[in-house]
Amino acid sequence: MAESKSNIESVREWIVEHKLRTVGCLWLSGIAGSIAYNWSQPAMKTSVKIIHARLHAQALTLAALAGAAAVEYYDRKAGAKDNGYSKYLPMERFSHKD
């Protein structure tokens, strides 16, 4: 049980660090799945199939962005992250000793 929890936690951490990549992959898989589903509907025109696929992917993207925002809010509320950018800034340049 402890190993599966660490796997879930590592997946969650990866998603938190790569939010835009996660949303992009979700969008791509959503539009591919929607096109595959719509292509099995023989009564639709091709343009309608593409429009439906785009609408499905757009709704999925909005849901993923809302989920990413909820995760970010939860992390900031819980204090899990400081500001997310401090690891990229050299601290010796910004000392307050002067």
PDB file of N, CA and C in Angstrom:
ATOM      1  N   MET A   1       0.834  -1.199   0.000  1.00  0.00           N
ATOM      2  CA  MET A   1       0.000   0.000   0.000  1.00  0.00           C
ATOM      3  C   MET A   1       0.871   1.252   0.000  1.00  0.00           C
ATOM      4  N   ALA A   2       1.982   1.219   0.730  1.00  0.00           N
ATOM      5  CA  ALA A   2       2.853   2.393   0.794  1.00  0.00           C
ATOM      6  C   ALA A   2       3.501   2.666  -0.559  1.00  0.00           C
ATOM      7  N   GLU A   3       3.807   1.597  -1.322  1.00  0.00           N
ATOM      8  CA  GLU A   3       4.425   1.793  -2.634  1.00  0.00           C
ATOM      9  C   GLU A   3       3.441   2.423  -3.616  1.00  0.00           C
ATOM     10  N   SER A   4       2.189   1.975  -3.595  1.00  0.00           N
ATOM     11  CA  SER A   4       1.199   2.563  -4.510  1.00  0.00           C
ATOM     12  C   SER A   4       0.929   4.018  -4.145  1.00  0.00           C
ATOM     13  N   LYS A   5       0.977   4.333  -2.871  1.00  0.00           N
ATOM     14  CA  LYS A   5       0.778   5.726  -2.462  1.00  0.00           C
ATOM     15  C   LYS A   5       1.940   6.587  -2.940  1.00  0.00           C
ATOM     16  N   SER A   6       3.149   6.068  -2.898  1.00  0.00           N
ATOM     17  CA  SER A   6       4.282   6.838  -3.385  1.00  0.00           C
ATOM     18  C   SER A   6       4.214   7.013  -4.896  1.00  0.00           C
ATOM     19  N   ASN A   7       3.694   6.009  -5.618  1.00  0.00           N
ATOM     20  CA  ASN A   7       3.522   6.141  -7.059  1.00  0.00           C
ATOM     21  C   ASN A   7       2.480   7.206  -7.377  1.00  0.00           C
ATOM     22  N   ILE A   8       1.376   7.196  -6.652  1.00  0.00           N
ATOM     23  CA  ILE A   8       0.338   8.200  -6.859  1.00  0.00           C
ATOM     24  C   ILE A   8       0.879   9.584  -6.526  1.00  0.00           C
ATOM     25  N   GLU A   9       1.624   9.674  -5.454  1.00  0.00           N
ATOM     26  CA  GLU A   9       2.205  10.957  -5.063  1.00  0.00           C
ATOM     27  C   GLU A   9       3.219  11.440  -6.099  1.00  0.00           C
ATOM     28  N   SER A  10       4.004  10.536  -6.661  1.00  0.00           N
ATOM     29  CA  SER A  10       4.968  10.955  -7.677  1.00  0.00           C
ATOM     30  C   SER A  10       4.264  11.400  -8.954  1.00  0.00           C
ATOM     31  N   VAL A  11       3.158  10.759  -9.330  1.00  0.00           N
ATOM     32  CA  VAL A  11       2.378  11.193 -10.490  1.00  0.00           C
ATOM     33  C   VAL A  11       1.788  12.570 -10.225  1.00  0.00           C
ATOM     34  N   ARG A  12       1.262  12.787  -9.034  1.00  0.00           N
ATOM     35  CA  ARG A  12       0.690  14.089  -8.678  1.00  0.00           C
ATOM     36  C   ARG A  12       1.741  15.184  -8.730  1.00  0.00           C
ATOM     37  N   GLU A  13       2.926  14.890  -8.217  1.00  0.00           N
ATOM     38  CA  GLU A  13       4.006  15.881  -8.254  1.00  0.00           C
ATOM     39  C   GLU A  13       4.415  16.195  -9.688  1.00  0.00           C
ATOM     40  N   TRP A  14       4.455  15.162 -10.561  1.00  0.00           N
ATOM     41  CA  TRP A  14       4.809  15.407 -11.955  1.00  0.00           C
ATOM     42  C   TRP A  14       3.755  16.288 -12.624  1.00  0.00           C
ATOM     43  N   ILE A  15       2.488  16.025 -12.334  1.00  0.00           N
ATOM     44  CA  ILE A  15       1.414  16.828 -12.917  1.00  0.00           C
ATOM     45  C   ILE A  15       1.492  18.259 -12.420  1.00  0.00           C
ATOM     46  N   VAL A  16       1.812  18.451 -11.141  1.00  0.00           N
ATOM     47  CA  VAL A  16       1.937  19.805 -10.602  1.00  0.00           C
ATOM     48  C   VAL A  16       3.089  20.549 -11.270  1.00  0.00           C
ATOM     49  N   GLU A  17       4.187  19.872 -11.525  1.00  0.00           N
ATOM     50  CA  GLU A  17       5.343  20.517 -12.154  1.00  0.00           C
ATOM     51  C   GLU A  17       5.150  20.757 -13.650  1.00  0.00           C
ATOM     52  N   HIS A  18       4.330  19.953 -14.308  1.00  0.00           N
ATOM     53  CA  HIS A  18       4.152  20.037 -15.764  1.00  0.00           C
ATOM     54  C   HIS A  18       2.682  20.235 -16.118  1.00  0.00           C
ATOM     55  N   LYS A  19       2.079  21.280 -15.592  1.00  0.00           N
ATOM     56  CA  LYS A  19       0.648  21.507 -15.801  1.00  0.00           C
ATOM     57  C   LYS A  19       0.305  21.718 -17.270  1.00  0.00           C
ATOM     58  N   LEU A  20       1.045  22.562 -17.952  1.00  0.00           N
ATOM     59  CA  LEU A  20       0.716  22.861 -19.345  1.00  0.00           C
ATOM     60  C   LEU A  20       0.931  21.657 -20.248  1.00  0.00           C
ATOM     61  N   ARG A  21       1.965  20.904 -19.989  1.00  0.00           N
ATOM     62  CA  ARG A  21       2.206  19.688 -20.770  1.00  0.00           C
ATOM     63  C   ARG A  21       1.070  18.687 -20.544  1.00  0.00           C
ATOM     64  N   THR A  22       0.602  18.586 -19.311  1.00  0.00           N
ATOM     65  CA  THR A  22      -0.495  17.680 -18.990  1.00  0.00           C
ATOM     66  C   THR A  22      -1.771  18.107 -19.707  1.00  0.00           C
ATOM     67  N   VAL A  23      -2.066  19.409 -19.678  1.00  0.00           N
ATOM     68  CA  VAL A  23      -3.266  19.912 -20.357  1.00  0.00           C
ATOM     69  C   VAL A  23      -3.146  19.696 -21.865  1.00  0.00           C
ATOM     70  N   GLY A  24      -1.961  19.921 -22.431  1.00  0.00           N
ATOM     71  CA  GLY A  24      -1.756  19.705 -23.860  1.00  0.00           C
ATOM     72  C   GLY A  24      -1.940  18.250 -24.261  1.00  0.00           C
ATOM     73  N   CYS A  25      -1.391  17.351 -23.473  1.00  0.00           N
ATOM     74  CA  CYS A  25      -1.554  15.917 -23.769  1.00  0.00           C
ATOM     75  C   CYS A  25      -3.007  15.490 -23.618  1.00  0.00           C
ATOM     76  N   LEU A  26      -3.680  16.036 -22.622  1.00  0.00           N
ATOM     77  CA  LEU A  26      -5.095  15.731 -22.431  1.00  0.00           C
ATOM     78  C   LEU A  26      -5.915  16.250 -23.614  1.00  0.00           C
ATOM     79  N   TRP A  27      -5.584  17.456 -24.094  1.00  0.00           N
ATOM     80  CA  TRP A  27      -6.282  18.006 -25.252  1.00  0.00           C
ATOM     81  C   TRP A  27      -6.051  17.139 -26.485  1.00  0.00           C
ATOM     82  N   LEU A  28      -4.796  16.765 -26.716  1.00  0.00           N
ATOM     83  CA  LEU A  28      -4.476  15.952 -27.887  1.00  0.00           C
ATOM     84  C   LEU A  28      -5.175  14.599 -27.838  1.00  0.00           C
ATOM     85  N   SER A  29      -5.165  13.951 -26.692  1.00  0.00           N
ATOM     86  CA  SER A  29      -5.841  12.660 -26.587  1.00  0.00           C
ATOM     87  C   SER A  29      -7.358  12.826 -26.680  1.00  0.00           C
ATOM     88  N   GLY A  30      -7.879  13.927 -26.172  1.00  0.00           N
ATOM     89  CA  GLY A  30      -9.318  14.181 -26.274  1.00  0.00           C
ATOM     90  C   GLY A  30      -9.770  14.392 -27.697  1.00  0.00           C
ATOM     91  N   ILE A  31      -9.006  15.187 -28.447  1.00  0.00           N
ATOM     92  CA  ILE A  31      -9.404  15.418 -29.839  1.00  0.00           C
ATOM     93  C   ILE A  31      -9.216  14.153 -30.670  1.00  0.00           C
ATOM     94  N   ALA A  32      -8.170  13.378 -30.400  1.00  0.00           N
ATOM     95  CA  ALA A  32      -7.972  12.115 -31.131  1.00  0.00           C
ATOM     96  C   ALA A  32      -9.102  11.132 -30.828  1.00  0.00           C
ATOM     97  N   GLY A  33      -9.473  11.024 -29.567  1.00  0.00           N
ATOM     98  CA  GLY A  33     -10.572  10.132 -29.196  1.00  0.00           C
ATOM     99  C   GLY A  33     -11.900  10.591 -29.773  1.00  0.00           C
ATOM    100  N   SER A  34     -12.125  11.884 -29.777  1.00  0.00           N
ATOM    101  CA  SER A  34     -13.368  12.408 -30.322  1.00  0.00           C
ATOM    102  C   SER A  34     -13.440  12.210 -31.833  1.00  0.00           C
ATOM    103  N   ILE A  35     -12.321  12.429 -32.526  1.00  0.00           N
ATOM    104  CA  ILE A  35     -12.302  12.183 -33.972  1.00  0.00           C
ATOM    105  C   ILE A  35     -12.541  10.698 -34.253  1.00  0.00           C
ATOM    106  N   ALA A  36     -11.919   9.834 -33.471  1.00  0.00           N
ATOM    107  CA  ALA A  36     -12.115   8.396 -33.665  1.00  0.00           C
ATOM    108  C   ALA A  36     -13.573   8.013 -33.435  1.00  0.00           C
ATOM    109  N   TYR A  37     -14.188   8.587 -32.412  1.00  0.00           N
ATOM    110  CA  TYR A  37     -15.598   8.277 -32.146  1.00  0.00           C
ATOM    111  C   TYR A  37     -16.488   8.833 -33.256  1.00  0.00           C
ATOM    112  N   ASN A  38     -16.254  10.099 -33.626  1.00  0.00           N
ATOM    113  CA  ASN A  38     -17.100  10.725 -34.643  1.00  0.00           C
ATOM    114  C   ASN A  38     -16.928  10.068 -36.008  1.00  0.00           C
ATOM    115  N   TRP A  39     -15.752   9.527 -36.282  1.00  0.00           N
ATOM    116  CA  TRP A  39     -15.535   8.878 -37.570  1.00  0.00           C
ATOM    117  C   TRP A  39     -16.345   7.586 -37.689  1.00  0.00           C
ATOM    118  N   SER A  40     -16.747   7.038 -36.553  1.00  0.00           N
ATOM    119  CA  SER A  40     -17.566   5.822 -36.601  1.00  0.00           C
ATOM    120  C   SER A  40     -19.041   6.139 -36.869  1.00  0.00           C
ATOM    121  N   GLN A  41     -19.390   7.415 -36.889  1.00  0.00           N
ATOM    122  CA  GLN A  41     -20.762   7.833 -37.180  1.00  0.00           C
ATOM    123  C   GLN A  41     -20.890   8.115 -38.683  1.00  0.00           C
ATOM    124  N   PRO A  42     -21.466   7.213 -39.450  1.00  0.00           N
ATOM    125  CA  PRO A  42     -21.473   7.388 -40.908  1.00  0.00           C
ATOM    126  C   PRO A  42     -22.437   8.465 -41.403  1.00  0.00           C
ATOM    127  N   ALA A  43     -23.397   8.878 -40.622  1.00  0.00           N
ATOM    128  CA  ALA A  43     -24.404   9.828 -41.097  1.00  0.00           C
ATOM    129  C   ALA A  43     -23.940  11.279 -41.038  1.00  0.00           C
ATOM    130  N   MET A  44     -22.782  11.554 -40.433  1.00  0.00           N
ATOM    131  CA  MET A  44     -22.293  12.928 -40.281  1.00  0.00           C
ATOM    132  C   MET A  44     -21.375  13.322 -41.427  1.00  0.00           C
ATOM    133  N   LYS A  45     -21.417  14.609 -41.766  1.00  0.00           N
ATOM    134  CA  LYS A  45     -20.466  15.134 -42.729  1.00  0.00           C
ATOM    135  C   LYS A  45     -19.112  15.293 -42.044  1.00  0.00           C
ATOM    136  N   THR A  46     -18.038  15.335 -42.838  1.00  0.00           N
ATOM    137  CA  THR A  46     -16.689  15.450 -42.284  1.00  0.00           C
ATOM    138  C   THR A  46     -16.511  16.745 -41.506  1.00  0.00           C
ATOM    139  N   SER A  47     -17.046  17.832 -41.998  1.00  0.00           N
ATOM    140  CA  SER A  47     -16.901  19.113 -41.301  1.00  0.00           C
ATOM    141  C   SER A  47     -17.582  19.077 -39.939  1.00  0.00           C
ATOM    142  N   VAL A  48     -18.723  18.419 -39.841  1.00  0.00           N
ATOM    143  CA  VAL A  48     -19.432  18.308 -38.560  1.00  0.00           C
ATOM    144  C   VAL A  48     -18.637  17.433 -37.595  1.00  0.00           C
ATOM    145  N   LYS A  49     -18.009  16.388 -38.102  1.00  0.00           N
ATOM    146  CA  LYS A  49     -17.181  15.524 -37.263  1.00  0.00           C
ATOM    147  C   LYS A  49     -16.023  16.307 -36.666  1.00  0.00           C
ATOM    148  N   ILE A  50     -15.378  17.139 -37.473  1.00  0.00           N
ATOM    149  CA  ILE A  50     -14.241  17.925 -36.987  1.00  0.00           C
ATOM    150  C   ILE A  50     -14.698  18.968 -35.981  1.00  0.00           C
ATOM    151  N   ILE A  51     -15.833  19.603 -36.238  1.00  0.00           N
ATOM    152  CA  ILE A  51     -16.359  20.603 -35.300  1.00  0.00           C
ATOM    153  C   ILE A  51     -16.712  19.944 -33.968  1.00  0.00           C
ATOM    154  N   HIS A  52     -17.336  18.788 -34.008  1.00  0.00           N
ATOM    155  CA  HIS A  52     -17.664  18.089 -32.761  1.00  0.00           C
ATOM    156  C   HIS A  52     -16.399  17.691 -32.005  1.00  0.00           C
ATOM    157  N   ALA A  53     -15.390  17.234 -32.719  1.00  0.00           N
ATOM    158  CA  ALA A  53     -14.136  16.857 -32.069  1.00  0.00           C
ATOM    159  C   ALA A  53     -13.494  18.073 -31.402  1.00  0.00           C
ATOM    160  N   ARG A  54     -13.522  19.216 -32.072  1.00  0.00           N
ATOM    161  CA  ARG A  54     -12.939  20.428 -31.491  1.00  0.00           C
ATOM    162  C   ARG A  54     -13.717  20.865 -30.251  1.00  0.00           C
ATOM    163  N   LEU A  55     -15.041  20.788 -30.303  1.00  0.00           N
ATOM    164  CA  LEU A  55     -15.847  21.177 -29.146  1.00  0.00           C
ATOM    165  C   LEU A  55     -15.607  20.245 -27.958  1.00  0.00           C
ATOM    166  N   HIS A  56     -15.499  18.952 -28.220  1.00  0.00           N
ATOM    167  CA  HIS A  56     -15.221  18.004 -27.139  1.00  0.00           C
ATOM    168  C   HIS A  56     -13.847  18.281 -26.525  1.00  0.00           C
ATOM    169  N   ALA A  57     -12.865  18.525 -27.378  1.00  0.00           N
ATOM    170  CA  ALA A  57     -11.520  18.796 -26.875  1.00  0.00           C
ATOM    171  C   ALA A  57     -11.477  20.109 -26.110  1.00  0.00           C
ATOM    172  N   GLN A  58     -12.227  21.104 -26.556  1.00  0.00           N
ATOM    173  CA  GLN A  58     -12.251  22.380 -25.856  1.00  0.00           C
ATOM    174  C   GLN A  58     -12.871  22.228 -24.467  1.00  0.00           C
ATOM    175  N   ALA A  59     -13.949  21.488 -24.369  1.00  0.00           N
ATOM    176  CA  ALA A  59     -14.571  21.245 -23.061  1.00  0.00           C
ATOM    177  C   ALA A  59     -13.627  20.469 -22.149  1.00  0.00           C
ATOM    178  N   LEU A  60     -12.939  19.493 -22.704  1.00  0.00           N
ATOM    179  CA  LEU A  60     -11.980  18.716 -21.921  1.00  0.00           C
ATOM    180  C   LEU A  60     -10.819  19.586 -21.446  1.00  0.00           C
ATOM    181  N   THR A  61     -10.365  20.510 -22.294  1.00  0.00           N
ATOM    182  CA  THR A  61      -9.285  21.413 -21.926  1.00  0.00           C
ATOM    183  C   THR A  61      -9.717  22.353 -20.805  1.00  0.00           C
ATOM    184  N   LEU A  62     -10.921  22.889 -20.891  1.00  0.00           N
ATOM    185  CA  LEU A  62     -11.409  23.750 -19.818  1.00  0.00           C
ATOM    186  C   LEU A  62     -11.509  22.995 -18.495  1.00  0.00           C
ATOM    187  N   ALA A  63     -11.941  21.751 -18.553  1.00  0.00           N
ATOM    188  CA  ALA A  63     -12.006  20.940 -17.334  1.00  0.00           C
ATOM    189  C   ALA A  63     -10.608  20.678 -16.780  1.00  0.00           C
ATOM    190  N   ALA A  64      -9.642  20.417 -17.660  1.00  0.00           N
ATOM    191  CA  ALA A  64      -8.269  20.174 -17.207  1.00  0.00           C
ATOM    192  C   ALA A  64      -7.660  21.434 -16.618  1.00  0.00           C
ATOM    193  N   LEU A  65      -7.911  22.595 -17.224  1.00  0.00           N
ATOM    194  CA  LEU A  65      -7.407  23.853 -16.666  1.00  0.00           C
ATOM    195  C   LEU A  65      -8.035  24.156 -15.311  1.00  0.00           C
ATOM    196  N   ALA A  66      -9.323  23.870 -15.172  1.00  0.00           N
ATOM    197  CA  ALA A  66      -9.977  24.059 -13.876  1.00  0.00           C
ATOM    198  C   ALA A  66      -9.378  23.108 -12.839  1.00  0.00           C
ATOM    199  N   GLY A  67      -9.085  21.875 -13.249  1.00  0.00           N
ATOM    200  CA  GLY A  67      -8.435  20.933 -12.328  1.00  0.00           C
ATOM    201  C   GLY A  67      -7.039  21.378 -11.939  1.00  0.00           C
ATOM    202  N   ALA A  68      -6.275  21.899 -12.909  1.00  0.00           N
ATOM    203  CA  ALA A  68      -4.928  22.400 -12.617  1.00  0.00           C
ATOM    204  C   ALA A  68      -4.996  23.597 -11.672  1.00  0.00           C
ATOM    205  N   ALA A  69      -5.989  24.464 -11.871  1.00  0.00           N
ATOM    206  CA  ALA A  69      -6.162  25.609 -10.978  1.00  0.00           C
ATOM    207  C   ALA A  69      -6.519  25.142  -9.564  1.00  0.00           C
ATOM    208  N   ALA A  70      -7.348  24.122  -9.461  1.00  0.00           N
ATOM    209  CA  ALA A  70      -7.714  23.596  -8.144  1.00  0.00           C
ATOM    210  C   ALA A  70      -6.504  22.988  -7.440  1.00  0.00           C
ATOM    211  N   VAL A  71      -5.670  22.262  -8.192  1.00  0.00           N
ATOM    212  CA  VAL A  71      -4.458  21.685  -7.599  1.00  0.00           C
ATOM    213  C   VAL A  71      -3.517  22.788  -7.146  1.00  0.00           C
ATOM    214  N   GLU A  72      -3.348  23.815  -7.970  1.00  0.00           N
ATOM    215  CA  GLU A  72      -2.476  24.937  -7.607  1.00  0.00           C
ATOM    216  C   GLU A  72      -3.004  25.651  -6.367  1.00  0.00           C
ATOM    217  N   TYR A  73      -4.311  25.870  -6.295  1.00  0.00           N
ATOM    218  CA  TYR A  73      -4.915  26.509  -5.131  1.00  0.00           C
ATOM    219  C   TYR A  73      -4.703  25.667  -3.883  1.00  0.00           C
ATOM    220  N   TYR A  74      -4.919  24.360  -4.009  1.00  0.00           N
ATOM    221  CA  TYR A  74      -4.732  23.470  -2.868  1.00  0.00           C
ATOM    222  C   TYR A  74      -3.278  23.481  -2.397  1.00  0.00           C
ATOM    223  N   ASP A  75      -2.330  23.447  -3.337  1.00  0.00           N
ATOM    224  CA  ASP A  75      -0.916  23.458  -2.966  1.00  0.00           C
ATOM    225  C   ASP A  75      -0.534  24.754  -2.272  1.00  0.00           C
ATOM    226  N   ARG A  76      -1.006  25.863  -2.771  1.00  0.00           N
ATOM    227  CA  ARG A  76      -0.691  27.153  -2.132  1.00  0.00           C
ATOM    228  C   ARG A  76      -1.374  27.281  -0.785  1.00  0.00           C
ATOM    229  N   LYS A  77      -2.595  26.784  -0.674  1.00  0.00           N
ATOM    230  CA  LYS A  77      -3.323  26.845   0.591  1.00  0.00           C
ATOM    231  C   LYS A  77      -2.649  25.966   1.647  1.00  0.00           C
ATOM    232  N   ALA A  78      -2.153  24.810   1.221  1.00  0.00           N
ATOM    233  CA  ALA A  78      -1.503  23.881   2.139  1.00  0.00           C
ATOM    234  C   ALA A  78      -0.061  24.297   2.432  1.00  0.00           C
ATOM    235  N   GLY A  79       0.467  25.244   1.654  1.00  0.00           N
ATOM    236  CA  GLY A  79       1.837  25.695   1.871  1.00  0.00           C
ATOM    237  C   GLY A  79       2.873  24.740   1.336  1.00  0.00           C
ATOM    238  N   ALA A  80       2.495  23.906   0.368  1.00  0.00           N
ATOM    239  CA  ALA A  80       3.422  22.913  -0.169  1.00  0.00           C
ATOM    240  C   ALA A  80       4.504  23.559  -1.023  1.00  0.00           C
ATOM    241  N   LYS A  81       4.206  24.719  -1.613  1.00  0.00           N
ATOM    242  CA  LYS A  81       5.184  25.406  -2.454  1.00  0.00           C
ATOM    243  C   LYS A  81       5.402  26.810  -1.901  1.00  0.00           C
ATOM    244  N   ASP A  82       6.618  27.325  -2.093  1.00  0.00           N
ATOM    245  CA  ASP A  82       6.848  28.703  -1.676  1.00  0.00           C
ATOM    246  C   ASP A  82       6.306  29.661  -2.727  1.00  0.00           C
ATOM    247  N   ASN A  83       6.934  29.771  -3.875  1.00  0.00           N
ATOM    248  CA  ASN A  83       6.382  30.565  -4.963  1.00  0.00           C
ATOM    249  C   ASN A  83       6.625  29.923  -6.324  1.00  0.00           C
ATOM    250  N   GLY A  84       7.359  28.839  -6.372  1.00  0.00           N
ATOM    251  CA  GLY A  84       7.565  28.140  -7.617  1.00  0.00           C
ATOM    252  C   GLY A  84       8.690  28.655  -8.482  1.00  0.00           C
ATOM    253  N   TYR A  85       9.191  29.863  -8.200  1.00  0.00           N
ATOM    254  CA  TYR A  85      10.232  30.450  -9.031  1.00  0.00           C
ATOM    255  C   TYR A  85      11.561  30.580  -8.306  1.00  0.00           C
ATOM    256  N   SER A  86      11.580  30.370  -7.013  1.00  0.00           N
ATOM    257  CA  SER A  86      12.794  30.608  -6.238  1.00  0.00           C
ATOM    258  C   SER A  86      13.928  29.665  -6.627  1.00  0.00           C
ATOM    259  N   LYS A  87      13.608  28.489  -7.159  1.00  0.00           N
ATOM    260  CA  LYS A  87      14.671  27.568  -7.535  1.00  0.00           C
ATOM    261  C   LYS A  87      15.409  28.038  -8.784  1.00  0.00           C
ATOM    262  N   TYR A  88      14.837  28.992  -9.528  1.00  0.00           N
ATOM    263  CA  TYR A  88      15.479  29.493 -10.731  1.00  0.00           C
ATOM    264  C   TYR A  88      16.273  30.776 -10.504  1.00  0.00           C
ATOM    265  N   LEU A  89      16.129  31.381  -9.340  1.00  0.00           N
ATOM    266  CA  LEU A  89      16.813  32.641  -9.060  1.00  0.00           C
ATOM    267  C   LEU A  89      18.061  32.399  -8.215  1.00  0.00           C
ATOM    268  N   PRO A  90      19.198  32.964  -8.612  1.00  0.00           N
ATOM    269  CA  PRO A  90      20.385  32.855  -7.753  1.00  0.00           C
ATOM    270  C   PRO A  90      20.223  33.776  -6.547  1.00  0.00           C
ATOM    271  N   MET A  91      20.306  33.215  -5.375  1.00  0.00           N
ATOM    272  CA  MET A  91      20.014  33.978  -4.167  1.00  0.00           C
ATOM    273  C   MET A  91      21.130  34.941  -3.780  1.00  0.00           C
ATOM    274  N   GLU A  92      22.368  34.686  -4.194  1.00  0.00           N
ATOM    275  CA  GLU A  92      23.442  35.580  -3.803  1.00  0.00           C
ATOM    276  C   GLU A  92      23.345  36.942  -4.490  1.00  0.00           C
ATOM    277  N   ARG A  93      22.661  37.040  -5.601  1.00  0.00           N
ATOM    278  CA  ARG A  93      22.501  38.327  -6.289  1.00  0.00           C
ATOM    279  C   ARG A  93      21.498  39.214  -5.588  1.00  0.00           C
ATOM    280  N   PHE A  94      20.615  38.626  -4.776  1.00  0.00           N
ATOM    281  CA  PHE A  94      19.535  39.379  -4.181  1.00  0.00           C
ATOM    282  C   PHE A  94      19.671  39.467  -2.655  1.00  0.00           C
ATOM    283  N   SER A  95      20.881  39.592  -2.190  1.00  0.00           N
ATOM    284  CA  SER A  95      21.050  39.689  -0.742  1.00  0.00           C
ATOM    285  C   SER A  95      20.706  41.087  -0.274  1.00  0.00           C
ATOM    286  N   HIS A  96      20.267  41.193   0.955  1.00  0.00           N
ATOM    287  CA  HIS A  96      19.847  42.475   1.541  1.00  0.00           C
ATOM    288  C   HIS A  96      20.934  43.040   2.453  1.00  0.00           C
ATOM    289  N   LYS A  97      22.165  42.683   2.222  1.00  0.00           N
ATOM    290  CA  LYS A  97      23.254  43.140   3.062  1.00  0.00           C
ATOM    291  C   LYS A  97      23.689  44.562   2.709  1.00  0.00           C
ATOM    292  N   ASP A  98      23.405  45.010   1.497  1.00  0.00           N
ATOM    293  CA  ASP A  98      23.869  46.348   1.073  1.00  0.00           C
ATOM    294  C   ASP A  98      23.095  47.459   1.706  1.00  0.00           C
TER     295      ASP A  98
END
